[in-house]
Amino acid sequence: MSLRRPSRQDASNFASGRTSRAIIASFSLLAIALIGGKWIEEYLLLSRDAAQMDVLQAEFDEAHRRREKLLSIEWKLKGALNRAKERGVGPDDIEFVRESLIGIVRDAGASLRRLEVGENEVRAWSMAEDDPRNDTAPLYGDNSSFVLHKHAVQIQADGRMESIEKVLESINSHGWLMSTKNLLIGPTGSINAMASIEVTMILYGLEPAPEDLMEEDEEFAMRRSPRQFR
């Protein structure tokens, strides 16, 4: 058996085939690189978007938590304000308080000697760090949309010791917003009325501020604010 030497045609065909395969392989690698590059780019973009979504979700959860806390505080403040308004004594309530004190002394079996109700005192109520016992609101505090009413009430009565105790208990049970300026209990020297009581109370009430007062506060705030220079 004899071996045939490859001809030039065979060598040319072999070289051509190898070149074709190289070209095909190159185009295949180029296509994979192009398509794969797009996939990688899209993957990176999606990963970045996912990370941003995680950040936004965390911020949303924090905002929701803060909103729930704010609503809870607002609900508590509204409840405290409503209770203060219910217990407060304003100009329209002072006559009811007077009649109630007369009834308290009578029902306790004591004798009323004096009952005086002072004039209504009104001042602005500050938004923070205010005390109703003070005559004025904090100097540098911002006024709220409420005003504070104050009435001084003096009551003097005498009777048995049990009756005097009932008077004090009944006044306390009404739950009025009040402070005690002075309280004196002493003997009378009488057999029928062994003790006497003299109390000076300050009754407080919060009510919405009149519109004219709110306008005055806004005008004062504008005068107090520094000028703007361009």
Foldseek 3Di string as FASTA:
>chain_A
DDDDDDDPVVVVVVVVVVVVVVVVVVVVVVVCCVVVVVVVVVVVVVVVVVVVVVVVVVVVVVVVVVVVVVVVVVVVVVVVQVVQQVQAADPVRVVVVVVVLVVQLVVLVKAWDDKDKADKDKAFEFPDDADLVDNYGDPPTQTDQKMKIKMKMKTKIFFDPSSVVSSVVSVVVSNHAKDWPDKDKDADPDPGTGIMIITIMMTMHIDGDDPVVVVVSVVVVVVPDDDDDD
